[in-house]
């Protein structure tokens, strides 16, 4: 990790791979959820021959090692890995972490599929468009039956998405 204008580090992406990194910051040890919040690291890409050098920028590293989630998007899969941000270095694990996941699928051709959840200000559930690696932002509304704020992500049919939650 370099010190210059803030802290930053780089990864080299092979052709067809797009990397997204989130910084995980644990909250206090209380019984309340969420136990952690996440923040997507800003990045800049630079073509180097047939590969892409992607530089990620870190606003703040805590006194303890902050965890990072590394998502590598390819055409037909997502590889999830983790690491740690230390004061002046980044350590990445040598083995991807195991995942438990659910699939949303519909045989009916519809205009869109709604993915509903109850958001919090920390937004523990993140939905990513695999093709663009952009987050799908929820549309917030008030459920008149329960009088709660809810979120709705509008997903296009027959298009892959990746959703994860940090607890």
N, C-alpha and C. Protein backbone atom coordinates (compact mmCIF):
# COMPACT_ATOMS: atom_id res chain seq x y z
N UNK A 1 0.86 -1.17 0.00
CA UNK A 1 0.00 0.00 0.00
C UNK A 1 0.90 1.22 0.00
N UNK A 2 0.63 2.14 -0.87
CA UNK A 2 1.47 3.33 -1.00
C UNK A 2 0.85 4.49 -0.25
N UNK A 3 1.72 5.37 0.17
CA UNK A 3 1.26 6.62 0.77
C UNK A 3 1.55 7.71 -0.23
N UNK A 4 0.60 8.45 -0.61
CA UNK A 4 0.77 9.55 -1.54
C UNK A 4 -0.43 10.42 -1.27
N UNK A 5 -1.32 10.49 -2.23
CA UNK A 5 -2.59 11.14 -1.98
C UNK A 5 -3.52 10.09 -1.42
N UNK A 6 -3.46 9.85 -0.15
CA UNK A 6 -4.24 8.79 0.47
C UNK A 6 -3.59 7.45 0.24
N UNK A 7 -4.18 6.41 0.79
CA UNK A 7 -3.63 5.07 0.63
C UNK A 7 -4.27 4.41 -0.58
N UNK A 8 -3.47 3.65 -1.30
CA UNK A 8 -3.99 2.96 -2.46
C UNK A 8 -3.14 1.72 -2.74
N UNK A 9 -3.72 0.79 -3.48
CA UNK A 9 -3.01 -0.41 -3.90
C UNK A 9 -3.56 -0.83 -5.24
N UNK A 10 -2.82 -1.66 -5.98
CA UNK A 10 -3.22 -2.06 -7.32
C UNK A 10 -3.28 -3.57 -7.46
N UNK A 11 -4.15 -4.02 -8.35
CA UNK A 11 -4.24 -5.42 -8.75
C UNK A 11 -4.20 -5.45 -10.27
N UNK A 12 -3.72 -6.55 -10.82
CA UNK A 12 -3.69 -6.72 -12.27
C UNK A 12 -4.80 -7.70 -12.64
N UNK A 13 -5.67 -7.27 -13.54
CA UNK A 13 -6.79 -8.10 -13.98
C UNK A 13 -6.45 -8.73 -15.32
N UNK A 14 -6.74 -10.03 -15.43
CA UNK A 14 -6.60 -10.70 -16.72
C UNK A 14 -7.73 -10.24 -17.63
N UNK A 15 -7.62 -10.55 -18.89
CA UNK A 15 -8.66 -10.21 -19.86
C UNK A 15 -9.97 -10.91 -19.48
N UNK A 16 -11.07 -10.18 -19.49
CA UNK A 16 -12.38 -10.75 -19.16
C UNK A 16 -12.70 -10.77 -17.68
N UNK A 17 -11.81 -10.25 -16.83
CA UNK A 17 -12.03 -10.22 -15.38
C UNK A 17 -12.20 -8.77 -14.95
N UNK A 18 -13.21 -8.53 -14.10
CA UNK A 18 -13.42 -7.20 -13.52
C UNK A 18 -13.47 -7.36 -12.01
N UNK A 19 -12.66 -6.59 -11.31
CA UNK A 19 -12.53 -6.73 -9.86
C UNK A 19 -13.21 -5.57 -9.15
N UNK A 20 -13.93 -5.92 -8.08
CA UNK A 20 -14.58 -4.95 -7.21
C UNK A 20 -14.15 -5.30 -5.79
N UNK A 21 -13.81 -4.30 -4.99
CA UNK A 21 -13.35 -4.55 -3.62
C UNK A 21 -14.17 -3.69 -2.65
N UNK A 22 -14.60 -4.34 -1.55
CA UNK A 22 -15.32 -3.67 -0.48
C UNK A 22 -14.49 -3.73 0.79
N UNK A 23 -14.47 -2.64 1.52
CA UNK A 23 -13.83 -2.60 2.84
C UNK A 23 -14.90 -2.90 3.88
N UNK A 24 -14.59 -3.83 4.78
CA UNK A 24 -15.53 -4.23 5.84
C UNK A 24 -15.06 -3.62 7.14
N UNK A 25 -15.95 -2.90 7.79
CA UNK A 25 -15.61 -2.30 9.08
C UNK A 25 -16.57 -2.85 10.12
N UNK A 26 -16.00 -3.50 11.12
CA UNK A 26 -16.84 -4.09 12.16
C UNK A 26 -17.36 -3.00 13.07
N UNK A 27 -18.63 -3.18 13.49
CA UNK A 27 -19.23 -2.24 14.42
C UNK A 27 -18.94 -2.73 15.84
N UNK A 28 -19.52 -2.09 16.82
CA UNK A 28 -19.26 -2.50 18.20
C UNK A 28 -19.78 -3.92 18.45
N UNK A 29 -19.44 -4.49 19.58
CA UNK A 29 -19.79 -5.87 19.90
C UNK A 29 -21.19 -6.03 20.49
N UNK A 30 -22.06 -5.06 20.26
CA UNK A 30 -23.41 -5.16 20.83
C UNK A 30 -24.21 -6.24 20.10
N UNK A 31 -25.37 -6.51 20.60
CA UNK A 31 -26.24 -7.53 20.03
C UNK A 31 -27.02 -7.03 18.82
N UNK A 32 -26.88 -5.75 18.49
CA UNK A 32 -27.63 -5.19 17.38
C UNK A 32 -26.98 -5.54 16.05
N UNK A 33 -27.84 -5.63 15.01
CA UNK A 33 -27.35 -5.87 13.66
C UNK A 33 -27.34 -4.56 12.91
N UNK A 34 -26.52 -4.38 11.93
CA UNK A 34 -25.51 -5.32 11.45
C UNK A 34 -24.25 -5.25 12.29
N UNK A 35 -23.50 -6.32 12.30
CA UNK A 35 -22.25 -6.39 13.05
C UNK A 35 -21.12 -5.72 12.28
N UNK A 36 -21.34 -5.46 10.98
CA UNK A 36 -20.32 -4.83 10.15
C UNK A 36 -21.00 -3.99 9.08
N UNK A 37 -20.29 -3.00 8.57
CA UNK A 37 -20.75 -2.22 7.43
C UNK A 37 -19.71 -2.37 6.33
N UNK A 38 -20.14 -2.12 5.10
CA UNK A 38 -19.22 -2.24 3.98
C UNK A 38 -19.20 -0.94 3.19
N UNK A 39 -18.06 -0.70 2.54
CA UNK A 39 -17.92 0.47 1.68
C UNK A 39 -17.13 0.04 0.45
N UNK A 40 -17.68 0.30 -0.71
CA UNK A 40 -17.00 -0.04 -1.95
C UNK A 40 -15.83 0.92 -2.16
N UNK A 41 -14.67 0.37 -2.48
CA UNK A 41 -13.50 1.20 -2.71
C UNK A 41 -13.56 1.80 -4.11
N UNK A 42 -13.26 3.08 -4.20
CA UNK A 42 -13.18 3.73 -5.50
C UNK A 42 -11.95 3.19 -6.23
N UNK A 43 -12.03 3.16 -7.56
CA UNK A 43 -10.90 2.62 -8.31
C UNK A 43 -10.72 3.36 -9.62
N UNK A 44 -9.54 3.16 -10.21
CA UNK A 44 -9.22 3.70 -11.52
C UNK A 44 -8.51 2.60 -12.30
N UNK A 45 -8.88 2.42 -13.57
CA UNK A 45 -8.29 1.38 -14.40
C UNK A 45 -7.33 1.97 -15.41
N UNK A 46 -6.27 1.19 -15.73
CA UNK A 46 -5.28 1.62 -16.70
C UNK A 46 -4.89 0.38 -17.53
N UNK A 47 -4.99 0.50 -18.86
CA UNK A 47 -4.59 -0.61 -19.72
C UNK A 47 -3.08 -0.72 -19.77
N UNK A 48 -2.59 -1.94 -19.54
CA UNK A 48 -1.16 -2.22 -19.61
C UNK A 48 -1.01 -3.45 -20.50
N UNK A 49 -0.75 -3.24 -21.78
CA UNK A 49 -0.69 -4.36 -22.72
C UNK A 49 -2.07 -4.98 -22.86
N UNK A 50 -2.16 -6.30 -22.61
CA UNK A 50 -3.45 -6.99 -22.69
C UNK A 50 -4.11 -7.15 -21.33
N UNK A 51 -3.51 -6.59 -20.31
CA UNK A 51 -4.09 -6.66 -18.97
C UNK A 51 -4.52 -5.27 -18.52
N UNK A 52 -5.25 -5.25 -17.43
CA UNK A 52 -5.69 -3.99 -16.86
C UNK A 52 -5.13 -3.87 -15.45
N UNK A 53 -4.50 -2.75 -15.16
CA UNK A 53 -4.03 -2.47 -13.80
C UNK A 53 -5.11 -1.61 -13.15
N UNK A 54 -5.67 -2.11 -12.06
CA UNK A 54 -6.73 -1.39 -11.37
C UNK A 54 -6.21 -0.94 -10.02
N UNK A 55 -6.28 0.36 -9.77
CA UNK A 55 -5.82 0.93 -8.51
C UNK A 55 -7.02 1.26 -7.65
N UNK A 56 -7.00 0.77 -6.41
CA UNK A 56 -8.08 0.99 -5.45
C UNK A 56 -7.62 1.99 -4.40
N UNK A 57 -8.51 2.88 -4.01
CA UNK A 57 -8.19 3.94 -3.06
C UNK A 57 -8.92 3.71 -1.74
N UNK A 58 -8.18 3.85 -0.64
CA UNK A 58 -8.71 3.62 0.70
C UNK A 58 -8.73 4.95 1.43
N UNK A 59 -9.92 5.33 1.91
CA UNK A 59 -10.03 6.59 2.65
C UNK A 59 -9.40 6.50 4.02
N UNK A 60 -9.69 5.40 4.72
CA UNK A 60 -9.26 5.31 6.11
C UNK A 60 -9.04 3.85 6.49
N UNK A 61 -7.92 3.57 7.13
CA UNK A 61 -7.64 2.24 7.67
C UNK A 61 -7.64 2.37 9.18
N UNK A 62 -8.42 1.52 9.84
CA UNK A 62 -8.52 1.58 11.29
C UNK A 62 -7.24 1.11 11.97
N UNK A 63 -7.17 1.25 13.29
CA UNK A 63 -5.98 0.82 14.02
C UNK A 63 -5.78 -0.70 13.95
N UNK A 64 -6.87 -1.45 13.86
CA UNK A 64 -6.78 -2.90 13.65
C UNK A 64 -6.87 -3.16 12.16
N UNK A 65 -6.48 -4.35 11.73
CA UNK A 65 -6.55 -4.69 10.31
C UNK A 65 -8.01 -4.72 9.86
N UNK A 66 -8.34 -3.95 8.84
CA UNK A 66 -9.69 -3.96 8.27
C UNK A 66 -9.77 -5.08 7.25
N UNK A 67 -10.92 -5.76 7.23
CA UNK A 67 -11.13 -6.83 6.27
C UNK A 67 -11.56 -6.24 4.94
N UNK A 68 -11.23 -6.94 3.86
CA UNK A 68 -11.72 -6.57 2.54
C UNK A 68 -12.34 -7.80 1.88
N UNK A 69 -13.33 -7.54 1.04
CA UNK A 69 -13.96 -8.58 0.23
C UNK A 69 -13.59 -8.28 -1.21
N UNK A 70 -13.02 -9.26 -1.89
CA UNK A 70 -12.57 -9.09 -3.27
C UNK A 70 -13.49 -9.93 -4.16
N UNK A 71 -14.19 -9.27 -5.06
CA UNK A 71 -15.09 -9.94 -5.99
C UNK A 71 -14.50 -9.85 -7.39
N UNK A 72 -14.23 -10.99 -8.00
CA UNK A 72 -13.70 -11.03 -9.37
C UNK A 72 -14.80 -11.56 -10.28
N UNK A 73 -15.33 -10.69 -11.12
CA UNK A 73 -16.43 -11.03 -12.01
C UNK A 73 -15.90 -11.49 -13.36
N UNK A 74 -16.39 -12.65 -13.81
CA UNK A 74 -16.08 -13.18 -15.12
C UNK A 74 -17.40 -13.40 -15.84
N UNK A 75 -17.34 -13.86 -17.07
CA UNK A 75 -18.54 -14.01 -17.88
C UNK A 75 -19.59 -14.89 -17.21
N UNK A 76 -19.17 -16.01 -16.64
CA UNK A 76 -20.14 -16.97 -16.12
C UNK A 76 -19.97 -17.30 -14.64
N UNK A 77 -19.18 -16.53 -13.91
CA UNK A 77 -19.00 -16.82 -12.49
C UNK A 77 -18.42 -15.61 -11.75
N UNK A 78 -18.48 -15.73 -10.41
CA UNK A 78 -17.89 -14.72 -9.53
C UNK A 78 -17.01 -15.46 -8.54
N UNK A 79 -15.78 -15.01 -8.40
CA UNK A 79 -14.88 -15.60 -7.41
C UNK A 79 -14.78 -14.62 -6.26
N UNK A 80 -15.00 -15.13 -5.05
CA UNK A 80 -14.98 -14.30 -3.85
C UNK A 80 -13.74 -14.65 -3.04
N UNK A 81 -13.00 -13.63 -2.66
CA UNK A 81 -11.83 -13.83 -1.82
C UNK A 81 -11.85 -12.76 -0.74
N UNK A 82 -10.98 -12.91 0.24
CA UNK A 82 -10.92 -11.90 1.30
C UNK A 82 -9.47 -11.55 1.58
N UNK A 83 -9.30 -10.50 2.34
CA UNK A 83 -7.97 -10.05 2.70
C UNK A 83 -8.05 -9.08 3.86
N UNK A 84 -6.92 -8.46 4.12
CA UNK A 84 -6.83 -7.49 5.23
C UNK A 84 -6.05 -6.27 4.78
N UNK A 85 -6.53 -5.10 5.21
CA UNK A 85 -5.80 -3.85 5.02
C UNK A 85 -5.05 -3.57 6.30
N UNK A 86 -3.76 -3.54 6.20
CA UNK A 86 -2.93 -3.20 7.35
C UNK A 86 -2.44 -1.77 7.16
N UNK A 87 -1.69 -1.27 8.11
CA UNK A 87 -1.23 0.12 8.06
C UNK A 87 -0.57 0.47 6.73
N UNK A 88 0.37 -0.37 6.27
CA UNK A 88 1.08 -0.06 5.03
C UNK A 88 1.16 -1.24 4.07
N UNK A 89 0.25 -2.19 4.16
CA UNK A 89 0.26 -3.31 3.24
C UNK A 89 -1.13 -3.93 3.14
N UNK A 90 -1.30 -4.72 2.08
CA UNK A 90 -2.54 -5.46 1.84
C UNK A 90 -2.17 -6.93 1.82
N UNK A 91 -2.90 -7.74 2.58
CA UNK A 91 -2.69 -9.19 2.58
C UNK A 91 -3.95 -9.85 2.04
N UNK A 92 -3.78 -10.69 1.02
CA UNK A 92 -4.90 -11.37 0.39
C UNK A 92 -4.76 -12.86 0.66
N UNK A 93 -5.87 -13.51 1.02
CA UNK A 93 -5.82 -14.93 1.34
C UNK A 93 -5.50 -15.74 0.08
N UNK A 94 -4.92 -16.91 0.27
CA UNK A 94 -4.52 -17.74 -0.86
C UNK A 94 -5.65 -18.62 -1.36
N UNK A 95 -6.72 -18.77 -0.56
CA UNK A 95 -7.86 -19.60 -0.97
C UNK A 95 -9.13 -18.77 -0.89
N UNK A 96 -9.98 -18.85 -1.93
CA UNK A 96 -11.27 -18.16 -1.84
C UNK A 96 -12.11 -18.72 -0.70
N UNK A 97 -13.00 -17.88 -0.16
CA UNK A 97 -13.83 -18.32 0.96
C UNK A 97 -15.03 -19.10 0.46
N UNK A 98 -15.53 -20.06 1.25
CA UNK A 98 -16.73 -20.80 0.83
C UNK A 98 -17.96 -19.90 0.87
N UNK A 99 -18.92 -20.16 -0.01
CA UNK A 99 -20.13 -19.34 -0.09
C UNK A 99 -21.38 -20.19 0.10
N UNK A 100 -22.36 -19.59 0.71
CA UNK A 100 -23.70 -20.16 0.75
C UNK A 100 -24.56 -19.18 -0.05
N UNK A 101 -25.30 -19.68 -1.03
CA UNK A 101 -26.07 -18.75 -1.85
C UNK A 101 -27.41 -19.32 -2.23
N UNK A 102 -28.32 -18.43 -2.58
CA UNK A 102 -29.65 -18.78 -3.07
C UNK A 102 -29.79 -18.24 -4.48
N UNK A 103 -30.65 -18.86 -5.26
CA UNK A 103 -30.88 -18.44 -6.63
C UNK A 103 -32.31 -17.97 -6.78
N UNK A 104 -32.49 -16.84 -7.43
CA UNK A 104 -33.82 -16.35 -7.80
C UNK A 104 -33.99 -16.70 -9.27
N UNK A 105 -35.04 -17.46 -9.60
CA UNK A 105 -35.24 -17.86 -10.99
C UNK A 105 -36.72 -17.93 -11.29
N UNK A 106 -37.09 -17.53 -12.49
CA UNK A 106 -38.48 -17.60 -12.90
C UNK A 106 -38.54 -18.10 -14.34
N UNK A 107 -39.43 -19.08 -14.59
CA UNK A 107 -39.63 -19.58 -15.95
C UNK A 107 -40.52 -18.65 -16.76
N UNK A 108 -41.26 -17.80 -16.08
CA UNK A 108 -42.18 -16.90 -16.77
C UNK A 108 -41.42 -15.69 -17.30
N UNK A 109 -41.73 -15.30 -18.52
CA UNK A 109 -41.12 -14.12 -19.08
C UNK A 109 -41.85 -12.90 -18.54
N UNK A 110 -41.15 -12.11 -17.78
CA UNK A 110 -41.76 -10.94 -17.17
C UNK A 110 -40.95 -9.71 -17.51
N UNK A 111 -41.55 -8.57 -17.33
CA UNK A 111 -40.88 -7.32 -17.61
C UNK A 111 -39.73 -7.10 -16.63
N UNK A 112 -39.95 -7.37 -15.37
CA UNK A 112 -38.90 -7.26 -14.36
C UNK A 112 -39.24 -8.16 -13.18
N UNK A 113 -38.24 -8.44 -12.39
CA UNK A 113 -38.41 -9.25 -11.18
C UNK A 113 -38.09 -8.34 -10.00
N UNK A 114 -38.93 -8.33 -8.99
CA UNK A 114 -38.68 -7.50 -7.82
C UNK A 114 -38.00 -8.31 -6.74
N UNK A 115 -36.94 -7.77 -6.20
CA UNK A 115 -36.21 -8.37 -5.10
C UNK A 115 -36.45 -7.47 -3.91
N UNK A 116 -37.20 -7.94 -2.91
CA UNK A 116 -37.60 -7.10 -1.77
C UNK A 116 -36.79 -7.43 -0.52
N UNK A 117 -36.48 -6.40 0.23
CA UNK A 117 -35.85 -6.58 1.52
C UNK A 117 -36.07 -5.32 2.34
N UNK A 118 -35.87 -5.46 3.64
CA UNK A 118 -36.00 -4.30 4.51
C UNK A 118 -34.61 -3.71 4.71
N UNK A 119 -34.35 -2.53 4.16
CA UNK A 119 -33.01 -1.96 4.26
C UNK A 119 -32.75 -1.31 5.61
N UNK A 120 -31.49 -1.14 5.92
CA UNK A 120 -31.09 -0.33 7.06
C UNK A 120 -30.17 0.75 6.50
N UNK A 121 -29.78 1.69 7.32
CA UNK A 121 -28.90 2.74 6.83
C UNK A 121 -27.54 2.20 6.41
N UNK A 122 -27.14 1.06 6.98
CA UNK A 122 -25.86 0.46 6.61
C UNK A 122 -25.97 -0.38 5.34
N UNK A 123 -27.20 -0.65 4.90
CA UNK A 123 -27.48 -1.42 3.69
C UNK A 123 -26.66 -2.70 3.62
N UNK A 124 -26.99 -3.70 4.45
CA UNK A 124 -26.19 -4.91 4.50
C UNK A 124 -26.32 -5.81 3.27
N UNK A 125 -27.40 -5.67 2.46
CA UNK A 125 -27.54 -6.49 1.26
C UNK A 125 -27.14 -5.65 0.05
N UNK A 126 -26.23 -6.20 -0.75
CA UNK A 126 -25.76 -5.50 -1.93
C UNK A 126 -26.05 -6.36 -3.16
N UNK A 127 -26.65 -5.76 -4.19
CA UNK A 127 -26.97 -6.46 -5.43
C UNK A 127 -26.13 -5.82 -6.53
N UNK A 128 -25.40 -6.67 -7.28
CA UNK A 128 -24.48 -6.18 -8.32
C UNK A 128 -24.85 -6.79 -9.66
N UNK A 129 -24.90 -5.95 -10.69
CA UNK A 129 -25.08 -6.40 -12.07
C UNK A 129 -23.75 -7.01 -12.51
N UNK A 130 -23.73 -8.29 -12.82
CA UNK A 130 -22.48 -8.98 -13.14
C UNK A 130 -21.83 -8.43 -14.41
N UNK A 131 -22.62 -8.00 -15.38
CA UNK A 131 -22.06 -7.52 -16.64
C UNK A 131 -21.37 -6.17 -16.49
N UNK A 132 -21.92 -5.27 -15.69
CA UNK A 132 -21.35 -3.94 -15.55
C UNK A 132 -20.58 -3.75 -14.24
N UNK A 133 -20.76 -4.64 -13.29
CA UNK A 133 -20.23 -4.58 -11.92
C UNK A 133 -20.73 -3.37 -11.13
N UNK A 134 -21.82 -2.77 -11.59
CA UNK A 134 -22.42 -1.64 -10.88
C UNK A 134 -23.44 -2.16 -9.88
N UNK A 135 -23.56 -1.46 -8.74
CA UNK A 135 -24.56 -1.82 -7.74
C UNK A 135 -25.95 -1.42 -8.23
N UNK A 136 -26.92 -2.26 -7.94
CA UNK A 136 -28.32 -1.94 -8.23
C UNK A 136 -28.86 -1.25 -6.98
N UNK A 137 -29.15 0.02 -7.11
CA UNK A 137 -29.65 0.79 -5.96
C UNK A 137 -31.13 0.51 -5.75
N UNK A 138 -31.54 0.32 -4.49
CA UNK A 138 -32.95 0.06 -4.23
C UNK A 138 -33.79 1.33 -4.31
N UNK A 139 -35.04 1.13 -4.68
CA UNK A 139 -36.03 2.21 -4.63
C UNK A 139 -36.74 2.03 -3.29
N UNK A 140 -36.68 3.05 -2.45
CA UNK A 140 -37.31 2.97 -1.13
C UNK A 140 -38.78 3.39 -1.21
N UNK A 141 -39.61 2.70 -0.41
CA UNK A 141 -41.02 3.03 -0.35
C UNK A 141 -41.54 2.66 1.04
N UNK A 142 -42.71 3.17 1.39
CA UNK A 142 -43.32 2.84 2.69
C UNK A 142 -44.41 1.80 2.44
N UNK A 143 -44.28 0.67 3.12
CA UNK A 143 -45.28 -0.39 3.05
C UNK A 143 -46.47 0.06 3.89
N UNK A 144 -47.59 0.29 3.25
CA UNK A 144 -48.77 0.83 3.95
C UNK A 144 -49.36 -0.17 4.94
N UNK A 145 -49.19 -1.47 4.69
CA UNK A 145 -49.73 -2.49 5.60
C UNK A 145 -48.94 -2.56 6.91
N UNK A 146 -47.61 -2.50 6.82
CA UNK A 146 -46.78 -2.63 8.02
C UNK A 146 -46.22 -1.30 8.50
N UNK A 147 -46.40 -0.25 7.69
CA UNK A 147 -45.88 1.08 8.00
C UNK A 147 -44.36 1.06 8.21
N UNK A 148 -43.65 0.28 7.36
CA UNK A 148 -42.19 0.19 7.41
C UNK A 148 -41.60 0.69 6.11
N UNK A 149 -40.37 1.18 6.20
CA UNK A 149 -39.63 1.54 4.99
C UNK A 149 -39.07 0.26 4.40
N UNK A 150 -39.30 0.04 3.13
CA UNK A 150 -38.81 -1.15 2.44
C UNK A 150 -38.05 -0.71 1.20
N UNK A 151 -37.29 -1.65 0.65
CA UNK A 151 -36.55 -1.38 -0.57
C UNK A 151 -36.95 -2.37 -1.65
N UNK A 152 -36.88 -1.91 -2.90
CA UNK A 152 -37.22 -2.78 -4.02
C UNK A 152 -36.16 -2.55 -5.09
N UNK A 153 -35.49 -3.64 -5.50
CA UNK A 153 -34.53 -3.58 -6.59
C UNK A 153 -35.22 -4.11 -7.84
N UNK A 154 -35.14 -3.38 -8.91
CA UNK A 154 -35.76 -3.82 -10.16
C UNK A 154 -34.70 -4.54 -10.98
N UNK A 155 -34.94 -5.84 -11.21
CA UNK A 155 -34.00 -6.68 -11.93
C UNK A 155 -34.59 -7.05 -13.28
N UNK A 156 -33.78 -7.08 -14.31
CA UNK A 156 -34.23 -7.45 -15.65
C UNK A 156 -34.22 -8.97 -15.78
N UNK A 157 -35.17 -9.52 -16.55
CA UNK A 157 -35.22 -10.98 -16.69
C UNK A 157 -34.05 -11.51 -17.52
N UNK A 158 -33.68 -12.77 -17.23
CA UNK A 158 -32.65 -13.49 -17.96
C UNK A 158 -31.29 -12.78 -17.92
N UNK A 159 -31.03 -12.06 -16.87
CA UNK A 159 -29.78 -11.32 -16.71
C UNK A 159 -29.18 -11.73 -15.37
N UNK A 160 -27.89 -12.03 -15.31
CA UNK A 160 -27.30 -12.48 -14.04
C UNK A 160 -26.99 -11.33 -13.09
N UNK A 161 -27.25 -11.58 -11.80
CA UNK A 161 -26.95 -10.63 -10.73
C UNK A 161 -26.25 -11.39 -9.61
N UNK A 162 -25.51 -10.66 -8.81
CA UNK A 162 -24.84 -11.24 -7.65
C UNK A 162 -25.28 -10.42 -6.44
N UNK A 163 -25.77 -11.10 -5.40
CA UNK A 163 -26.21 -10.41 -4.19
C UNK A 163 -25.47 -11.01 -3.00
N UNK A 164 -25.04 -10.15 -2.08
CA UNK A 164 -24.39 -10.65 -0.88
C UNK A 164 -24.73 -9.77 0.31
N UNK A 165 -24.56 -10.36 1.48
CA UNK A 165 -24.84 -9.66 2.73
C UNK A 165 -23.69 -9.93 3.69
N UNK A 166 -23.21 -8.90 4.34
CA UNK A 166 -22.16 -9.03 5.33
C UNK A 166 -22.81 -8.93 6.69
N UNK A 167 -22.58 -9.93 7.54
CA UNK A 167 -23.18 -9.92 8.88
C UNK A 167 -22.12 -9.84 9.94
